[in-house]
Amino acid sequence: RLLAAMVTVTQHGPGGGTVMFNFISDLEIDAHETADRFVL
């Protein structure tokens, strides 16, 4: 969810503009499942 989370910031007035950014830009996860649980 954090990888998908984003915000748009708009500055009004002269020289203003809109900037979008994500809170996390890259995500790599090594995980596996055992018989009874998920392990990161």
All heavy atoms as atom14 arrays in JSON, in Angstrom:
{
  "sequence": "RLLAAMVTVTQHGPGGGTVMFNFISDLEIDAHETADRFVL",
  "atom14_mask": [
    [1, 1, 1, 1, 1, 1, 1, 1, 1, 1, 1, 0, 0, 0],
    [1, 1, 1, 1, 1, 1, 1, 1, 0, 0, 0, 0, 0, 0],
    [1, 1, 1, 1, 1, 1, 1, 1, 0, 0, 0, 0, 0, 0],
    [1, 1, 1, 1, 1, 0, 0, 0, 0, 0, 0, 0, 0, 0],
    [1, 1, 1, 1, 1, 0, 0, 0, 0, 0, 0, 0, 0, 0],
    [1, 1, 1, 1, 1, 1, 1, 1, 0, 0, 0, 0, 0, 0],
    [1, 1, 1, 1, 1, 1, 1, 0, 0, 0, 0, 0, 0, 0],
    [1, 1, 1, 1, 1, 1, 1, 0, 0, 0, 0, 0, 0, 0],
    [1, 1, 1, 1, 1, 1, 1, 0, 0, 0, 0, 0, 0, 0],
    [1, 1, 1, 1, 1, 1, 1, 0, 0, 0, 0, 0, 0, 0],
    [1, 1, 1, 1, 1, 1, 1, 1, 1, 0, 0, 0, 0, 0],
    [1, 1, 1, 1, 1, 1, 1, 1, 1, 1, 0, 0, 0, 0],
    [1, 1, 1, 1, 0, 0, 0, 0, 0, 0, 0, 0, 0, 0],
    [1, 1, 1, 1, 1, 1, 1, 0, 0, 0, 0, 0, 0, 0],
    [1, 1, 1, 1, 0, 0, 0, 0, 0, 0, 0, 0, 0, 0],
    [1, 1, 1, 1, 0, 0, 0, 0, 0, 0, 0, 0, 0, 0],
    [1, 1, 1, 1, 0, 0, 0, 0, 0, 0, 0, 0, 0, 0],
    [1, 1, 1, 1, 1, 1, 1, 0, 0, 0, 0, 0, 0, 0],
    [1, 1, 1, 1, 1, 1, 1, 0, 0, 0, 0, 0, 0, 0],
    [1, 1, 1, 1, 1, 1, 1, 1, 0, 0, 0, 0, 0, 0],
    [1, 1, 1, 1, 1, 1, 1, 1, 1, 1, 1, 0, 0, 0],
    [1, 1, 1, 1, 1, 1, 1, 1, 0, 0, 0, 0, 0, 0],
    [1, 1, 1, 1, 1, 1, 1, 1, 1, 1, 1, 0, 0, 0],
    [1, 1, 1, 1, 1, 1, 1, 1, 0, 0, 0, 0, 0, 0],
    [1, 1, 1, 1, 1, 1, 0, 0, 0, 0, 0, 0, 0, 0],
    [1, 1, 1, 1, 1, 1, 1, 1, 0, 0, 0, 0, 0, 0],
    [1, 1, 1, 1, 1, 1, 1, 1, 0, 0, 0, 0, 0, 0],
    [1, 1, 1, 1, 1, 1, 1, 1, 1, 0, 0, 0, 0, 0],
    [1, 1, 1, 1, 1, 1, 1, 1, 0, 0, 0, 0, 0, 0],
    [1, 1, 1, 1, 1, 1, 1, 1, 0, 0, 0, 0, 0, 0],
    [1, 1, 1, 1, 1, 0, 0, 0, 0, 0, 0, 0, 0, 0],
    [1, 1, 1, 1, 1, 1, 1, 1, 1, 1, 0, 0, 0, 0],
    [1, 1, 1, 1, 1, 1, 1, 1, 1, 0, 0, 0, 0, 0],
    [1, 1, 1, 1, 1, 1, 1, 0, 0, 0, 0, 0, 0, 0],
    [1, 1, 1, 1, 1, 0, 0, 0, 0, 0, 0, 0, 0, 0],
    [1, 1, 1, 1, 1, 1, 1, 1, 0, 0, 0, 0, 0, 0],
    [1, 1, 1, 1, 1, 1, 1, 1, 1, 1, 1, 0, 0, 0],
    [1, 1, 1, 1, 1, 1, 1, 1, 1, 1, 1, 0, 0, 0],
    [1, 1, 1, 1, 1, 1, 1, 0, 0, 0, 0, 0, 0, 0],
    [1, 1, 1, 1, 1, 1, 1, 1, 0, 0, 0, 0, 0, 0]
  ],
  "atom14_positions": [
    [[0.84, -1.21, 0.0], [0.0, 0.0, 0.0], [0.87, 1.26, 0.0], [0.56, 2.23, -0.69], [-0.94, 0.02, 1.21], [-2.13, -0.91, 1.08], [-3.16, -0.67, 2.16], [-2.63, -0.84, 3.51], [-2.61, -1.99, 4.18], [-3.07, -3.1, 3.6], [-2.15, -2.04, 5.4], [0.0, 0.0, 0.0], [0.0, 0.0, 0.0], [0.0, 0.0, 0.0]],
    [[1.96, 1.23, 0.76], [2.85, 2.4, 0.79], [3.49, 2.65, -0.57], [3.73, 3.79, -0.95], [3.93, 2.23, 1.86], [3.48, 2.43, 3.29], [4.59, 2.02, 4.27], [3.04, 3.87, 3.53], [0.0, 0.0, 0.0], [0.0, 0.0, 0.0], [0.0, 0.0, 0.0], [0.0, 0.0, 0.0], [0.0, 0.0, 0.0], [0.0, 0.0, 0.0]],
    [[3.76, 1.59, -1.3], [4.31, 1.75, -2.65], [3.32, 2.47, -3.55], [3.69, 3.28, -4.39], [4.69, 0.39, -3.24], [5.35, 0.4, -4.61], [6.68, 1.14, -4.58], [5.55, -1.03, -5.09], [0.0, 0.0, 0.0], [0.0, 0.0, 0.0], [0.0, 0.0, 0.0], [0.0, 0.0, 0.0], [0.0, 0.0, 0.0], [0.0, 0.0, 0.0]],
    [[2.03, 2.21, -3.35], [0.99, 2.85, -4.16], [0.6, 4.23, -3.64], [0.03, 5.03, -4.39], [-0.25, 1.96, -4.2], [0.0, 0.0, 0.0], [0.0, 0.0, 0.0], [0.0, 0.0, 0.0], [0.0, 0.0, 0.0], [0.0, 0.0, 0.0], [0.0, 0.0, 0.0], [0.0, 0.0, 0.0], [0.0, 0.0, 0.0], [0.0, 0.0, 0.0]],
    [[0.91, 4.52, -2.38], [0.51, 5.8, -1.78], [1.25, 6.95, -2.46], [2.44, 6.88, -2.72], [0.81, 5.8, -0.28], [0.0, 0.0, 0.0], [0.0, 0.0, 0.0], [0.0, 0.0, 0.0], [0.0, 0.0, 0.0], [0.0, 0.0, 0.0], [0.0, 0.0, 0.0], [0.0, 0.0, 0.0], [0.0, 0.0, 0.0], [0.0, 0.0, 0.0]],
    [[0.5, 8.0, -2.75], [1.12, 9.16, -3.4], [0.39, 10.43, -2.98], [-0.71, 10.39, -2.46], [1.1, 9.03, -4.91], [-0.29, 8.97, -5.48], [-0.41, 8.78, -7.27], [1.2, 9.0, -7.86], [0.0, 0.0, 0.0], [0.0, 0.0, 0.0], [0.0, 0.0, 0.0], [0.0, 0.0, 0.0], [0.0, 0.0, 0.0], [0.0, 0.0, 0.0]],
    [[1.06, 11.53, -3.21], [0.47, 12.82, -2.9], [0.78, 13.77, -4.04], [1.81, 13.66, -4.71], [0.99, 13.37, -1.54], [2.46, 13.71, -1.61], [0.18, 14.55, -1.07], [0.0, 0.0, 0.0], [0.0, 0.0, 0.0], [0.0, 0.0, 0.0], [0.0, 0.0, 0.0], [0.0, 0.0, 0.0], [0.0, 0.0, 0.0], [0.0, 0.0, 0.0]],
    [[-0.15, 14.68, -4.29], [0.03, 15.72, -5.3], [0.09, 17.06, -4.57], [-0.78, 17.37, -3.77], [-1.15, 15.74, -6.29], [-1.29, 14.44, -6.85], [-0.94, 16.76, -7.39], [0.0, 0.0, 0.0], [0.0, 0.0, 0.0], [0.0, 0.0, 0.0], [0.0, 0.0, 0.0], [0.0, 0.0, 0.0], [0.0, 0.0, 0.0], [0.0, 0.0, 0.0]],
    [[1.14, 17.82, -4.85], [1.29, 19.14, -4.25], [1.21, 20.17, -5.36], [1.95, 20.09, -6.34], [2.64, 19.27, -3.51], [2.8, 20.65, -2.91], [2.77, 18.19, -2.46], [0.0, 0.0, 0.0], [0.0, 0.0, 0.0], [0.0, 0.0, 0.0], [0.0, 0.0, 0.0], [0.0, 0.0, 0.0], [0.0, 0.0, 0.0], [0.0, 0.0, 0.0]],
    [[0.29, 21.11, -5.21], [0.11, 22.16, -6.21], [0.43, 23.51, -5.59], [-0.12, 23.86, -4.54], [-1.33, 22.18, -6.75], [-1.61, 20.89, -7.31], [-1.5, 23.24, -7.82], [0.0, 0.0, 0.0], [0.0, 0.0, 0.0], [0.0, 0.0, 0.0], [0.0, 0.0, 0.0], [0.0, 0.0, 0.0], [0.0, 0.0, 0.0], [0.0, 0.0, 0.0]],
    [[1.34, 24.21, -6.21], [1.67, 25.56, -5.77], [1.03, 26.54, -6.75], [1.32, 26.5, -7.95], [3.18, 25.77, -5.74], [3.57, 27.15, -5.26], [5.08, 27.33, -5.22], [5.83, 26.39, -5.45], [5.51, 28.53, -4.93], [0.0, 0.0, 0.0], [0.0, 0.0, 0.0], [0.0, 0.0, 0.0], [0.0, 0.0, 0.0], [0.0, 0.0, 0.0]],
    [[0.16, 27.38, -6.25], [-0.53, 28.36, -7.09], [0.29, 29.63, -7.2], [1.16, 29.9, -6.39], [-1.92, 28.66, -6.51], [-2.8, 27.45, -6.43], [-3.42, 26.92, -7.53], [-3.12, 26.65, -5.39], [-4.09, 25.85, -7.17], [-3.94, 25.66, -5.87], [0.0, 0.0, 0.0], [0.0, 0.0, 0.0], [0.0, 0.0, 0.0], [0.0, 0.0, 0.0]],
    [[0.0, 30.39, -8.22], [0.68, 31.67, -8.39], [1.81, 31.57, -9.39], [2.05, 30.52, -10.0], [0.0, 0.0, 0.0], [0.0, 0.0, 0.0], [0.0, 0.0, 0.0], [0.0, 0.0, 0.0], [0.0, 0.0, 0.0], [0.0, 0.0, 0.0], [0.0, 0.0, 0.0], [0.0, 0.0, 0.0], [0.0, 0.0, 0.0], [0.0, 0.0, 0.0]],
    [[2.55, 32.67, -9.54], [3.65, 32.7, -10.51], [4.71, 31.64, -10.17], [5.09, 31.48, -9.01], [4.24, 34.1, -10.36], [3.21, 34.89, -9.62], [2.38, 33.93, -8.84], [0.0, 0.0, 0.0], [0.0, 0.0, 0.0], [0.0, 0.0, 0.0], [0.0, 0.0, 0.0], [0.0, 0.0, 0.0], [0.0, 0.0, 0.0], [0.0, 0.0, 0.0]],
    [[5.14, 30.96, -11.18], [6.17, 29.93, -10.99], [5.64, 28.68, -10.33], [6.41, 27.79, -9.99], [0.0, 0.0, 0.0], [0.0, 0.0, 0.0], [0.0, 0.0, 0.0], [0.0, 0.0, 0.0], [0.0, 0.0, 0.0], [0.0, 0.0, 0.0], [0.0, 0.0, 0.0], [0.0, 0.0, 0.0], [0.0, 0.0, 0.0], [0.0, 0.0, 0.0]],
    [[4.36, 28.62, -10.08], [3.76, 27.45, -9.43], [3.69, 26.27, -10.36], [3.98, 26.36, -11.55], [0.0, 0.0, 0.0], [0.0, 0.0, 0.0], [0.0, 0.0, 0.0], [0.0, 0.0, 0.0], [0.0, 0.0, 0.0], [0.0, 0.0, 0.0], [0.0, 0.0, 0.0], [0.0, 0.0, 0.0], [0.0, 0.0, 0.0], [0.0, 0.0, 0.0]],
    [[3.33, 25.18, -9.83], [3.2, 23.96, -10.62], [2.69, 22.84, -9.74], [2.4, 23.02, -8.57], [0.0, 0.0, 0.0], [0.0, 0.0, 0.0], [0.0, 0.0, 0.0], [0.0, 0.0, 0.0], [0.0, 0.0, 0.0], [0.0, 0.0, 0.0], [0.0, 0.0, 0.0], [0.0, 0.0, 0.0], [0.0, 0.0, 0.0], [0.0, 0.0, 0.0]],
    [[2.62, 21.68, -10.33], [2.13, 20.51, -9.62], [3.22, 19.45, -9.6], [3.86, 19.18, -10.61], [0.87, 19.95, -10.3], [-0.13, 20.96, -10.29], [0.35, 18.72, -9.6], [0.0, 0.0, 0.0], [0.0, 0.0, 0.0], [0.0, 0.0, 0.0], [0.0, 0.0, 0.0], [0.0, 0.0, 0.0], [0.0, 0.0, 0.0], [0.0, 0.0, 0.0]],
    [[3.41, 18.86, -8.43], [4.39, 17.8, -8.26], [3.68, 16.62, -7.6], [2.95, 16.8, -6.64], [5.57, 18.25, -7.36], [6.52, 17.11, -7.08], [6.29, 19.42, -7.96], [0.0, 0.0, 0.0], [0.0, 0.0, 0.0], [0.0, 0.0, 0.0], [0.0, 0.0, 0.0], [0.0, 0.0, 0.0], [0.0, 0.0, 0.0], [0.0, 0.0, 0.0]],
    [[3.9, 15.43, -8.14], [3.37, 14.21, -7.54], [4.55, 13.39, -7.04], [5.59, 13.34, -7.69], [2.58, 13.4, -8.56], [1.32, 14.07, -9.03], [0.46, 13.13, -10.32], [0.18, 11.58, -9.51], [0.0, 0.0, 0.0], [0.0, 0.0, 0.0], [0.0, 0.0, 0.0], [0.0, 0.0, 0.0], [0.0, 0.0, 0.0], [0.0, 0.0, 0.0]],
    [[4.39, 12.77, -5.87], [5.44, 11.87, -5.42], [4.87, 10.73, -4.61], [3.8, 10.83, -4.03], [6.54, 12.62, -4.64], [6.15, 13.07, -3.26], [6.45, 12.3, -2.15], [5.52, 14.29, -3.06], [6.1, 12.72, -0.88], [5.18, 14.73, -1.8], [5.48, 13.94, -0.7], [0.0, 0.0, 0.0], [0.0, 0.0, 0.0], [0.0, 0.0, 0.0]],
    [[5.61, 9.62, -4.64], [5.27, 8.44, -3.85], [6.1, 8.46, -2.58], [7.19, 9.0, -2.56], [5.58, 7.16, -4.64], [4.66, 7.0, -5.81], [4.8, 7.69, -6.82], [3.7, 6.12, -5.69], [0.0, 0.0, 0.0], [0.0, 0.0, 0.0], [0.0, 0.0, 0.0], [0.0, 0.0, 0.0], [0.0, 0.0, 0.0], [0.0, 0.0, 0.0]],
    [[5.6, 7.84, -1.53], [6.33, 7.77, -0.27], [7.46, 6.75, -0.34], [8.48, 6.9, 0.3], [5.38, 7.45, 0.87], [4.45, 8.6, 1.16], [3.18, 8.63, 0.62], [4.86, 9.65, 1.95], [2.32, 9.69, 0.86], [4.01, 10.73, 2.19], [2.74, 10.74, 1.65], [0.0, 0.0, 0.0], [0.0, 0.0, 0.0], [0.0, 0.0, 0.0]],
    [[7.26, 5.69, -1.15], [8.29, 4.67, -1.39], [8.44, 4.57, -2.9], [7.45, 4.45, -3.61], [7.87, 3.3, -0.83], [7.81, 3.34, 0.69], [8.82, 2.21, -1.3], [7.33, 2.03, 1.3], [0.0, 0.0, 0.0], [0.0, 0.0, 0.0], [0.0, 0.0, 0.0], [0.0, 0.0, 0.0], [0.0, 0.0, 0.0], [0.0, 0.0, 0.0]],
    [[9.69, 4.63, -3.39], [9.86, 4.58, -4.84], [10.2, 3.19, -5.35], [9.91, 2.87, -6.49], [10.92, 5.59, -5.28], [12.15, 5.33, -4.66], [0.0, 0.0, 0.0], [0.0, 0.0, 0.0], [0.0, 0.0, 0.0], [0.0, 0.0, 0.0], [0.0, 0.0, 0.0], [0.0, 0.0, 0.0], [0.0, 0.0, 0.0], [0.0, 0.0, 0.0]],
    [[10.83, 2.36, -4.53], [11.16, 0.99, -4.93], [10.89, 0.07, -3.75], [11.08, 0.45, -2.6], [12.63, 0.85, -5.32], [12.94, 1.49, -6.65], [12.22, 1.22, -7.62], [13.92, 2.25, -6.71], [0.0, 0.0, 0.0], [0.0, 0.0, 0.0], [0.0, 0.0, 0.0], [0.0, 0.0, 0.0], [0.0, 0.0, 0.0], [0.0, 0.0, 0.0]],
    [[10.5, -1.15, -4.06], [10.23, -2.13, -3.02], [10.63, -3.5, -3.51], [10.23, -3.93, -4.58], [8.73, -2.12, -2.67], [8.23, -3.19, -1.7], [8.9, -3.06, -0.33], [6.72, -3.12, -1.58], [0.0, 0.0, 0.0], [0.0, 0.0, 0.0], [0.0, 0.0, 0.0], [0.0, 0.0, 0.0], [0.0, 0.0, 0.0], [0.0, 0.0, 0.0]],
    [[11.49, -4.16, -2.73], [11.86, -5.55, -3.0], [11.61, -6.33, -1.71], [12.03, -5.91, -0.64], [13.34, -5.66, -3.36], [13.71, -4.97, -4.65], [15.22, -5.0, -4.89], [15.89, -5.95, -4.42], [15.71, -4.07, -5.53], [0.0, 0.0, 0.0], [0.0, 0.0, 0.0], [0.0, 0.0, 0.0], [0.0, 0.0, 0.0], [0.0, 0.0, 0.0]],
    [[10.92, -7.44, -1.85], [10.58, -8.25, -0.69], [11.0, -9.69, -0.94], [10.66, -10.27, -1.97], [9.07, -8.2, -0.4], [8.64, -6.78, -0.05], [8.7, -9.17, 0.72], [7.15, -6.6, 0.12], [0.0, 0.0, 0.0], [0.0, 0.0, 0.0], [0.0, 0.0, 0.0], [0.0, 0.0, 0.0], [0.0, 0.0, 0.0], [0.0, 0.0, 0.0]],
    [[11.77, -10.24, -0.01], [12.06, -11.67, -0.01], [11.21, -12.28, 1.09], [11.36, -11.93, 2.26], [13.54, -11.93, 0.28], [14.45, -11.46, -0.84], [14.01, -11.49, -2.01], [15.58, -11.04, -0.56], [0.0, 0.0, 0.0], [0.0, 0.0, 0.0], [0.0, 0.0, 0.0], [0.0, 0.0, 0.0], [0.0, 0.0, 0.0], [0.0, 0.0, 0.0]],
    [[10.31, -13.16, 0.69], [9.4, -13.77, 1.66], [9.14, -15.22, 1.26], [9.35, -15.61, 0.11], [8.08, -13.0, 1.7], [0.0, 0.0, 0.0], [0.0, 0.0, 0.0], [0.0, 0.0, 0.0], [0.0, 0.0, 0.0], [0.0, 0.0, 0.0], [0.0, 0.0, 0.0], [0.0, 0.0, 0.0], [0.0, 0.0, 0.0], [0.0, 0.0, 0.0]],
    [[8.69, -15.98, 2.23], [8.29, -17.36, 1.97], [7.21, -17.75, 2.96], [6.99, -17.09, 3.96], [9.48, -18.31, 2.05], [10.11, -18.37, 3.41], [11.02, -17.44, 3.86], [9.92, -19.23, 4.44], [11.39, -17.74, 5.08], [10.74, -18.81, 5.48], [0.0, 0.0, 0.0], [0.0, 0.0, 0.0], [0.0, 0.0, 0.0], [0.0, 0.0, 0.0]],
    [[6.52, -18.82, 2.63], [5.48, -19.33, 3.51], [5.9, -20.67, 4.06], [6.43, -21.51, 3.35], [4.15, -19.48, 2.76], [3.53, -18.15, 2.39], [2.14, -18.31, 1.82], [1.28, -18.89, 2.52], [1.93, -17.86, 0.7], [0.0, 0.0, 0.0], [0.0, 0.0, 0.0], [0.0, 0.0, 0.0], [0.0, 0.0, 0.0], [0.0, 0.0, 0.0]],
    [[5.7, -20.81, 5.36], [5.89, -22.12, 5.98], [4.51, -22.76, 6.08], [3.53, -22.19, 5.6], [6.52, -21.97, 7.38], [5.61, -21.27, 8.22], [7.84, -21.21, 7.31], [0.0, 0.0, 0.0], [0.0, 0.0, 0.0], [0.0, 0.0, 0.0], [0.0, 0.0, 0.0], [0.0, 0.0, 0.0], [0.0, 0.0, 0.0], [0.0, 0.0, 0.0]],
    [[4.44, -23.89, 6.71], [3.15, -24.58, 6.82], [2.12, -23.75, 7.57], [0.93, -23.83, 7.3], [3.34, -25.92, 7.53], [0.0, 0.0, 0.0], [0.0, 0.0, 0.0], [0.0, 0.0, 0.0], [0.0, 0.0, 0.0], [0.0, 0.0, 0.0], [0.0, 0.0, 0.0], [0.0, 0.0, 0.0], [0.0, 0.0, 0.0], [0.0, 0.0, 0.0]],
    [[2.59, -22.91, 8.49], [1.63, -22.19, 9.33], [1.77, -20.67, 9.33], [1.01, -19.99, 9.99], [1.71, -22.7, 10.77], [3.08, -22.5, 11.39], [4.04, -22.24, 10.64], [3.2, -22.62, 12.62], [0.0, 0.0, 0.0], [0.0, 0.0, 0.0], [0.0, 0.0, 0.0], [0.0, 0.0, 0.0], [0.0, 0.0, 0.0], [0.0, 0.0, 0.0]],
    [[2.74, -20.13, 8.58], [2.87, -18.67, 8.6], [3.65, -18.13, 7.41], [4.37, -18.84, 6.73], [3.46, -18.17, 9.89], [4.86, -18.66, 10.18], [5.35, -18.08, 11.47], [6.43, -17.16, 11.14], [7.46, -16.9, 11.9], [7.56, -17.44, 13.06], [8.4, -16.09, 11.51], [0.0, 0.0, 0.0], [0.0, 0.0, 0.0], [0.0, 0.0, 0.0]],
    [[3.47, -16.83, 7.2], [4.14, -16.06, 6.15], [5.34, -15.38, 6.79], [5.21, -14.77, 7.86], [3.15, -15.01, 5.62], [3.66, -14.18, 4.49], [3.56, -14.61, 3.18], [4.24, -12.94, 4.74], [4.02, -13.83, 2.14], [4.7, -12.15, 3.71], [4.59, -12.6, 2.4], [0.0, 0.0, 0.0], [0.0, 0.0, 0.0], [0.0, 0.0, 0.0]],
    [[6.52, -15.46, 6.17], [7.74, -14.93, 6.76], [8.42, -13.94, 5.8], [8.7, -14.29, 4.65], [8.73, -16.07, 7.11], [10.02, -15.51, 7.69], [8.1, -17.08, 8.06], [0.0, 0.0, 0.0], [0.0, 0.0, 0.0], [0.0, 0.0, 0.0], [0.0, 0.0, 0.0], [0.0, 0.0, 0.0], [0.0, 0.0, 0.0], [0.0, 0.0, 0.0]],
    [[8.66, -12.74, 6.3], [9.44, -11.75, 5.55], [10.91, -11.96, 5.9], [11.31, -11.72, 7.04], [9.05, -10.32, 5.95], [7.78, -9.74, 5.4], [7.55, -8.34, 5.96], [7.81, -9.69, 3.89], [0.0, 0.0, 0.0], [0.0, 0.0, 0.0], [0.0, 0.0, 0.0], [0.0, 0.0, 0.0], [0.0, 0.0, 0.0], [0.0, 0.0, 0.0]]
  ]
}
